[in-house]
Amino acid sequence: SAVVKWANGNNVPVVPVSSKVHFHGSTIPKQGGIVMDLGKMNRIIE
């Protein structure tokens, strides 16, 4: 959540992915953006 808050506050685009298939070049963020792997996320903390 800290990374998403930082990205939001700095206008940095975040591209979420959930499987390693996307790390072969098919998921490319806009310049200056980041790719966030959510593959091991197993619950939502509010």
C-alpha atoms as a PDB file:
ATOM      1  CA  SER A   1       0.000   0.000   0.000  1.00  0.00           C
ATOM      2  CA  ALA A   2       2.913   2.356   0.657  1.00  0.00           C
ATOM      3  CA  VAL A   3       4.137   1.942  -2.926  1.00  0.00           C
ATOM      4  CA  VAL A   4       0.696   2.691  -4.357  1.00  0.00           C
ATOM      5  CA  LYS A   5       0.328   5.753  -2.119  1.00  0.00           C
ATOM      6  CA  TRP A   6       3.762   6.996  -3.196  1.00  0.00           C
ATOM      7  CA  ALA A   7       2.986   6.392  -6.877  1.00  0.00           C
ATOM      8  CA  ASN A   8      -0.350   8.186  -6.583  1.00  0.00           C
ATOM      9  CA  GLY A   9       1.238  11.172  -4.849  1.00  0.00           C
ATOM     10  CA  ASN A  10       3.954  11.402  -7.503  1.00  0.00           C
ATOM     11  CA  ASN A  11       1.762  10.778 -10.577  1.00  0.00           C
ATOM     12  CA  VAL A  12       3.580   7.529 -11.347  1.00  0.00           C
ATOM     13  CA  PRO A  13       1.459   5.029 -13.310  1.00  0.00           C
ATOM     14  CA  VAL A  14       1.162   1.561 -11.746  1.00  0.00           C
ATOM     15  CA  VAL A  15       0.503  -1.525 -13.885  1.00  0.00           C
ATOM     16  CA  PRO A  16      -0.669  -4.458 -11.736  1.00  0.00           C
ATOM     17  CA  VAL A  17       0.073  -8.015 -12.886  1.00  0.00           C
ATOM     18  CA  SER A  18      -0.809 -11.309 -11.254  1.00  0.00           C
ATOM     19  CA  SER A  19       1.294 -13.861 -13.109  1.00  0.00           C
ATOM     20  CA  LYS A  20       4.871 -14.142 -14.294  1.00  0.00           C
ATOM     21  CA  VAL A  21       3.669 -14.515 -17.904  1.00  0.00           C
ATOM     22  CA  HIS A  22       3.561 -10.731 -18.143  1.00  0.00           C
ATOM     23  CA  PHE A  23       7.263 -10.305 -17.331  1.00  0.00           C
ATOM     24  CA  HIS A  24       8.259 -11.421 -20.835  1.00  0.00           C
ATOM     25  CA  GLY A  25       7.592  -7.993 -22.314  1.00  0.00           C
ATOM     26  CA  SER A  26       3.846  -8.085 -22.830  1.00  0.00           C
ATOM     27  CA  THR A  27       3.262  -5.754 -19.868  1.00  0.00           C
ATOM     28  CA  ILE A  28       5.101  -2.518 -20.444  1.00  0.00           C
ATOM     29  CA  PRO A  29       4.246   0.508 -18.302  1.00  0.00           C
ATOM     30  CA  LYS A  30       4.236   4.047 -19.643  1.00  0.00           C
ATOM     31  CA  GLN A  31       7.577   5.808 -19.366  1.00  0.00           C
ATOM     32  CA  GLY A  32       8.291   6.441 -15.699  1.00  0.00           C
ATOM     33  CA  GLY A  33       5.715   3.874 -14.580  1.00  0.00           C
ATOM     34  CA  ILE A  34       6.175   0.720 -12.534  1.00  0.00           C
ATOM     35  CA  VAL A  35       4.929  -2.866 -12.811  1.00  0.00           C
ATOM     36  CA  MET A  36       3.644  -4.274  -9.517  1.00  0.00           C
ATOM     37  CA  ASP A  37       3.489  -8.083  -9.143  1.00  0.00           C
ATOM     38  CA  LEU A  38       0.382  -9.022  -7.158  1.00  0.00           C
ATOM     39  CA  GLY A  39       0.836 -12.770  -7.737  1.00  0.00           C
ATOM     40  CA  LYS A  40       1.405 -13.589  -4.067  1.00  0.00           C
ATOM     41  CA  MET A  41      -1.351 -11.341  -2.770  1.00  0.00           C
ATOM     42  CA  ASN A  42      -3.834 -13.582  -0.983  1.00  0.00           C
ATOM     43  CA  ARG A  43      -5.967 -11.168   1.058  1.00  0.00           C
ATOM     44  CA  ILE A  44      -7.153  -7.584   1.227  1.00  0.00           C
ATOM     45  CA  ILE A  45      -6.313  -5.563   4.332  1.00  0.00           C
ATOM     46  CA  GLU A  46      -8.559  -2.569   4.837  1.00  0.00           C
END
